[in-house]
Amino acid sequence: MTASINRRQFLVGGLTGLGMVAAVKAGAVSLAHDLPDAGKQIDYDIVWHSKPIGRHSINIEHGEPQVQIEHEVESVVSVLFVTALTMQHKSSERWENGKLVELSADTVKNDQQTKLNGKQAGDQFVHVQPEKKLVLPSDIATVDSFWLMSAVSHNTMLDTRSGVVLDLKKKGLGK
């Protein structure tokens, strides 16, 4: 499945996570700078309507030219004492020279599991789910790539939680 989204929607949507706002805990690094020291863990609280509903942790390991990123997300949304959404997500991304070269992700959302695996193959990124195989541009990034300053310059994004491919369209702001 392919969807279309502009860069502003990606940034707003990626950082709010379907209406959820991630609030950075005290002491977390600013993602506007270079990568934090190797071994750094960045922890976010996921907040919805001013109430904490989960957490997102990012572990970063790097050494030239590789960067290994591990994401772990857990969230539970309850409405009137009824659980409306549960999600557990783990993903691992290996980057070399600013390019995603390998990815694995496992998400369980309301008891529905999505597994993704992908890797660079020549000038393409081959993304495989148990029921399908997609060949994507080699400059793919993930919606979790907000740690990477150049993420907004990518034309194609992969949502590691759902397997949905997002084609980004450049659009000037304020015009």
C-alpha atoms as a PDB file:
ATOM      1  CA  MET A   1       0.000   0.000   0.000  1.00  0.00           C
ATOM      2  CA  THR A   2       1.374   3.428  -0.934  1.00  0.00           C
ATOM      3  CA  ALA A   3       0.158   6.713   0.519  1.00  0.00           C
ATOM      4  CA  SER A   4       1.068  10.300  -0.276  1.00  0.00           C
ATOM      5  CA  ILE A   5       2.115  12.845   2.340  1.00  0.00           C
ATOM      6  CA  ASN A   6       3.953  16.174   2.192  1.00  0.00           C
ATOM      7  CA  ARG A   7       7.014  16.943   4.329  1.00  0.00           C
ATOM      8  CA  ARG A   8       5.122  19.196   6.733  1.00  0.00           C
ATOM      9  CA  GLN A   9       2.525  16.466   7.314  1.00  0.00           C
ATOM     10  CA  PHE A  10       5.374  14.008   7.869  1.00  0.00           C
ATOM     11  CA  LEU A  11       7.033  16.207  10.454  1.00  0.00           C
ATOM     12  CA  VAL A  12       3.812  17.068  12.241  1.00  0.00           C
ATOM     13  CA  GLY A  13       2.426  13.535  11.992  1.00  0.00           C
ATOM     14  CA  GLY A  14       5.698  11.833  12.803  1.00  0.00           C
ATOM     15  CA  LEU A  15       6.225  13.897  15.899  1.00  0.00           C
ATOM     16  CA  THR A  16       2.662  13.799  17.151  1.00  0.00           C
ATOM     17  CA  GLY A  17       2.068  10.150  16.306  1.00  0.00           C
ATOM     18  CA  LEU A  18      -1.637  10.092  15.378  1.00  0.00           C
ATOM     19  CA  GLY A  19      -2.650  12.744  17.861  1.00  0.00           C
ATOM     20  CA  MET A  20      -0.162  11.695  20.518  1.00  0.00           C
ATOM     21  CA  VAL A  21       2.403  14.254  21.563  1.00  0.00           C
ATOM     22  CA  ALA A  22       5.833  13.059  22.595  1.00  0.00           C
ATOM     23  CA  ALA A  23       7.195  15.134  25.467  1.00  0.00           C
ATOM     24  CA  VAL A  24      10.952  14.895  25.911  1.00  0.00           C
ATOM     25  CA  LYS A  25      11.977  13.969  29.447  1.00  0.00           C
ATOM     26  CA  ALA A  26      14.466  16.236  31.178  1.00  0.00           C
ATOM     27  CA  GLY A  27      18.020  15.563  30.093  1.00  0.00           C
ATOM     28  CA  ALA A  28      17.262  14.207  26.633  1.00  0.00           C
ATOM     29  CA  VAL A  29      19.422  15.489  23.800  1.00  0.00           C
ATOM     30  CA  SER A  30      18.362  18.001  21.191  1.00  0.00           C
ATOM     31  CA  LEU A  31      17.917  16.271  17.864  1.00  0.00           C
ATOM     32  CA  ALA A  32      18.890  19.493  16.090  1.00  0.00           C
ATOM     33  CA  HIS A  33      22.570  18.676  16.647  1.00  0.00           C
ATOM     34  CA  ASP A  34      24.807  15.835  15.527  1.00  0.00           C
ATOM     35  CA  LEU A  35      24.211  12.378  16.921  1.00  0.00           C
ATOM     36  CA  PRO A  36      24.596  12.029  20.672  1.00  0.00           C
ATOM     37  CA  ASP A  37      27.424  10.003  22.129  1.00  0.00           C
ATOM     38  CA  ALA A  38      27.363   6.300  21.309  1.00  0.00           C
ATOM     39  CA  GLY A  39      25.377   4.337  23.858  1.00  0.00           C
ATOM     40  CA  LYS A  40      23.000   7.240  24.457  1.00  0.00           C
ATOM     41  CA  GLN A  41      19.362   6.406  25.135  1.00  0.00           C
ATOM     42  CA  ILE A  42      16.692   8.995  24.401  1.00  0.00           C
ATOM     43  CA  ASP A  43      13.420   8.459  26.262  1.00  0.00           C
ATOM     44  CA  TYR A  44      10.117  10.097  25.395  1.00  0.00           C
ATOM     45  CA  ASP A  45       6.816  10.022  27.216  1.00  0.00           C
ATOM     46  CA  ILE A  46       3.862   9.638  24.862  1.00  0.00           C
ATOM     47  CA  VAL A  47       1.131  12.011  26.006  1.00  0.00           C
ATOM     48  CA  TRP A  48      -2.462  12.206  24.769  1.00  0.00           C
ATOM     49  CA  HIS A  49      -4.903  14.810  26.103  1.00  0.00           C
ATOM     50  CA  SER A  50      -2.358  15.696  28.811  1.00  0.00           C
ATOM     51  CA  LYS A  51      -2.202  12.101  30.063  1.00  0.00           C
ATOM     52  CA  PRO A  52       0.769   9.759  29.682  1.00  0.00           C
ATOM     53  CA  ILE A  53      -0.158   6.727  27.575  1.00  0.00           C
ATOM     54  CA  GLY A  54       3.226   5.211  26.863  1.00  0.00           C
ATOM     55  CA  ARG A  55       6.909   5.596  26.130  1.00  0.00           C
ATOM     56  CA  HIS A  56       9.319   5.639  23.203  1.00  0.00           C
ATOM     57  CA  SER A  57      12.986   4.799  23.731  1.00  0.00           C
ATOM     58  CA  ILE A  58      15.710   5.214  21.151  1.00  0.00           C
ATOM     59  CA  ASN A  59      19.126   3.607  21.648  1.00  0.00           C
ATOM     60  CA  ILE A  60      21.924   4.874  19.427  1.00  0.00           C
ATOM     61  CA  GLU A  61      25.223   3.137  18.704  1.00  0.00           C
ATOM     62  CA  HIS A  62      27.587   4.501  16.107  1.00  0.00           C
ATOM     63  CA  GLY A  63      31.057   4.309  14.693  1.00  0.00           C
ATOM     64  CA  GLU A  64      32.144   5.467  11.251  1.00  0.00           C
ATOM     65  CA  PRO A  65      30.482   4.825   8.890  1.00  0.00           C
ATOM     66  CA  GLN A  66      27.690   2.877  10.675  1.00  0.00           C
ATOM     67  CA  VAL A  67      24.856   3.953  12.947  1.00  0.00           C
ATOM     68  CA  GLN A  68      22.640   1.390  14.683  1.00  0.00           C
ATOM     69  CA  ILE A  69      19.280   2.661  15.964  1.00  0.00           C
ATOM     70  CA  GLU A  70      16.979   0.614  18.196  1.00  0.00           C
ATOM     71  CA  HIS A  71      13.413   1.835  18.806  1.00  0.00           C
ATOM     72  CA  GLU A  72      11.054   0.514  21.439  1.00  0.00           C
ATOM     73  CA  VAL A  73       7.523   1.875  21.828  1.00  0.00           C
ATOM     74  CA  GLU A  74       4.791   0.805  24.220  1.00  0.00           C
ATOM     75  CA  SER A  75       1.436   2.511  24.545  1.00  0.00           C
ATOM     76  CA  VAL A  76      -2.029   1.860  25.931  1.00  0.00           C
ATOM     77  CA  VAL A  77      -4.990   4.166  25.293  1.00  0.00           C
ATOM     78  CA  SER A  78      -8.096   3.785  27.432  1.00  0.00           C
ATOM     79  CA  VAL A  79     -11.408   5.544  26.939  1.00  0.00           C
ATOM     80  CA  LEU A  80     -13.941   5.402  29.770  1.00  0.00           C
ATOM     81  CA  PHE A  81     -11.988   2.579  31.435  1.00  0.00           C
ATOM     82  CA  VAL A  82     -12.015   0.515  28.219  1.00  0.00           C
ATOM     83  CA  THR A  83      -8.754  -0.197  26.400  1.00  0.00           C
ATOM     84  CA  ALA A  84      -9.105   1.310  22.924  1.00  0.00           C
ATOM     85  CA  LEU A  85      -5.533   0.738  21.687  1.00  0.00           C
ATOM     86  CA  THR A  86      -2.499  -1.234  22.728  1.00  0.00           C
ATOM     87  CA  MET A  87       0.761  -1.179  20.832  1.00  0.00           C
ATOM     88  CA  GLN A  88       4.195  -2.685  21.330  1.00  0.00           C
ATOM     89  CA  HIS A  89       6.817  -1.891  18.710  1.00  0.00           C
ATOM     90  CA  LYS A  90      10.487  -2.773  18.362  1.00  0.00           C
ATOM     91  CA  SER A  91      12.632  -1.902  15.390  1.00  0.00           C
ATOM     92  CA  SER A  92      16.281  -1.966  14.481  1.00  0.00           C
ATOM     93  CA  GLU A  93      17.794   0.219  11.755  1.00  0.00           C
ATOM     94  CA  ARG A  94      21.360   0.041  10.447  1.00  0.00           C
ATOM     95  CA  TRP A  95      22.575   3.089   8.549  1.00  0.00           C
ATOM     96  CA  GLU A  96      25.839   3.560   6.649  1.00  0.00           C
ATOM     97  CA  ASN A  97      26.976   6.942   5.366  1.00  0.00           C
ATOM     98  CA  GLY A  98      23.499   8.415   5.947  1.00  0.00           C
ATOM     99  CA  LYS A  99      21.705   5.613   4.061  1.00  0.00           C
ATOM    100  CA  LEU A 100      19.365   2.984   5.546  1.00  0.00           C
ATOM    101  CA  VAL A 101      20.971  -0.364   4.688  1.00  0.00           C
ATOM    102  CA  GLU A 102      19.013  -2.786   6.874  1.00  0.00           C
ATOM    103  CA  LEU A 103      15.780  -2.771   8.852  1.00  0.00           C
ATOM    104  CA  SER A 104      13.775  -5.160  10.992  1.00  0.00           C
ATOM    105  CA  ALA A 105      10.593  -4.282  12.876  1.00  0.00           C
ATOM    106  CA  ASP A 106       7.971  -6.112  14.881  1.00  0.00           C
ATOM    107  CA  THR A 107       4.744  -4.395  15.938  1.00  0.00           C
ATOM    108  CA  VAL A 108       1.735  -5.742  17.784  1.00  0.00           C
ATOM    109  CA  LYS A 109      -1.210  -3.348  17.640  1.00  0.00           C
ATOM    110  CA  ASN A 110      -4.452  -4.554  19.222  1.00  0.00           C
ATOM    111  CA  ASP A 111      -3.295  -8.183  18.859  1.00  0.00           C
ATOM    112  CA  GLN A 112      -2.466  -7.716  15.137  1.00  0.00           C
ATOM    113  CA  GLN A 113       1.204  -8.380  14.382  1.00  0.00           C
ATOM    114  CA  THR A 114       3.174  -6.688  11.599  1.00  0.00           C
ATOM    115  CA  LYS A 115       6.728  -7.821  10.830  1.00  0.00           C
ATOM    116  CA  LEU A 116       8.995  -5.971   8.433  1.00  0.00           C
ATOM    117  CA  ASN A 117      12.430  -6.770   7.084  1.00  0.00           C
ATOM    118  CA  GLY A 118      14.380  -4.866   4.501  1.00  0.00           C
ATOM    119  CA  LYS A 119      17.868  -4.281   3.160  1.00  0.00           C
ATOM    120  CA  GLN A 120      19.742  -2.487   0.427  1.00  0.00           C
ATOM    121  CA  ALA A 121      20.158  -4.518  -2.741  1.00  0.00           C
ATOM    122  CA  GLY A 122      22.187  -2.598  -5.302  1.00  0.00           C
ATOM    123  CA  ASP A 123      20.421   0.683  -6.000  1.00  0.00           C
ATOM    124  CA  GLN A 124      17.153  -0.400  -4.334  1.00  0.00           C
ATOM    125  CA  PHE A 125      15.820  -1.100  -0.857  1.00  0.00           C
ATOM    126  CA  VAL A 126      13.947  -4.412  -0.769  1.00  0.00           C
ATOM    127  CA  HIS A 127      11.250  -4.400   1.907  1.00  0.00           C
ATOM    128  CA  VAL A 128       9.643  -7.703   2.807  1.00  0.00           C
ATOM    129  CA  GLN A 129       6.558  -8.473   4.860  1.00  0.00           C
ATOM    130  CA  PRO A 130       5.367 -12.069   5.258  1.00  0.00           C
ATOM    131  CA  GLU A 131       2.667 -11.566   2.611  1.00  0.00           C
ATOM    132  CA  LYS A 132       4.435  -9.230   0.181  1.00  0.00           C
ATOM    133  CA  LYS A 133       7.732  -7.890  -1.139  1.00  0.00           C
ATOM    134  CA  LEU A 134       8.244  -4.277  -2.197  1.00  0.00           C
ATOM    135  CA  VAL A 135      11.172  -2.796  -4.077  1.00  0.00           C
ATOM    136  CA  LEU A 136      11.675   0.796  -2.930  1.00  0.00           C
ATOM    137  CA  PRO A 137      14.111   3.612  -3.800  1.00  0.00           C
ATOM    138  CA  SER A 138      17.512   3.233  -2.175  1.00  0.00           C
ATOM    139  CA  ASP A 139      17.165   6.592  -0.378  1.00  0.00           C
ATOM    140  CA  ILE A 140      14.297   5.351   1.813  1.00  0.00           C
ATOM    141  CA  ALA A 141      14.001   6.580   5.394  1.00  0.00           C
ATOM    142  CA  THR A 142      11.611   5.547   8.150  1.00  0.00           C
ATOM    143  CA  VAL A 143       9.029   7.676   9.949  1.00  0.00           C
ATOM    144  CA  ASP A 144      11.209   7.148  13.034  1.00  0.00           C
ATOM    145  CA  SER A 145      14.125   8.897  11.308  1.00  0.00           C
ATOM    146  CA  PHE A 146      13.437  12.219  13.011  1.00  0.00           C
ATOM    147  CA  TRP A 147      16.832  11.797  14.723  1.00  0.00           C
ATOM    148  CA  LEU A 148      18.372  12.234  11.247  1.00  0.00           C
ATOM    149  CA  MET A 149      18.508  15.880  10.150  1.00  0.00           C
ATOM    150  CA  SER A 150      18.301  14.955   6.460  1.00  0.00           C
ATOM    151  CA  ALA A 151      15.095  12.913   6.936  1.00  0.00           C
ATOM    152  CA  VAL A 152      12.948  15.685   5.481  1.00  0.00           C
ATOM    153  CA  SER A 153      14.945  15.569   2.234  1.00  0.00           C
ATOM    154  CA  HIS A 154      13.946  11.935   1.571  1.00  0.00           C
ATOM    155  CA  ASN A 155      11.181  11.415  -0.996  1.00  0.00           C
ATOM    156  CA  THR A 156      10.020   8.056   0.338  1.00  0.00           C
ATOM    157  CA  MET A 157       9.334   7.007   3.924  1.00  0.00           C
ATOM    158  CA  LEU A 158       8.434   3.641   5.410  1.00  0.00           C
ATOM    159  CA  ASP A 159       6.156   3.450   8.444  1.00  0.00           C
ATOM    160  CA  THR A 160       7.837   0.668  10.428  1.00  0.00           C
ATOM    161  CA  ARG A 161       4.703   0.059  12.497  1.00  0.00           C
ATOM    162  CA  SER A 162       2.296  -0.612   9.614  1.00  0.00           C
ATOM    163  CA  GLY A 163       4.470  -1.299   6.548  1.00  0.00           C
ATOM    164  CA  VAL A 164       2.834   1.598   4.689  1.00  0.00           C
ATOM    165  CA  VAL A 165       5.085   3.392   2.193  1.00  0.00           C
ATOM    166  CA  LEU A 166       4.702   7.187   2.146  1.00  0.00           C
ATOM    167  CA  ASP A 167       5.649   9.187  -0.953  1.00  0.00           C
ATOM    168  CA  LEU A 168       6.552  12.694   0.176  1.00  0.00           C
ATOM    169  CA  LYS A 169       5.808  15.693  -2.010  1.00  0.00           C
ATOM    170  CA  LYS A 170       7.765  18.927  -1.644  1.00  0.00           C
ATOM    171  CA  LYS A 171       5.470  21.864  -0.925  1.00  0.00           C
ATOM    172  CA  GLY A 172       6.472  25.399  -0.053  1.00  0.00           C
ATOM    173  CA  LEU A 173       5.133  26.708   3.244  1.00  0.00           C
ATOM    174  CA  GLY A 174       3.125  29.913   3.406  1.00  0.00           C
ATOM    175  CA  LYS A 175       2.431  30.043  -0.322  1.00  0.00           C
END
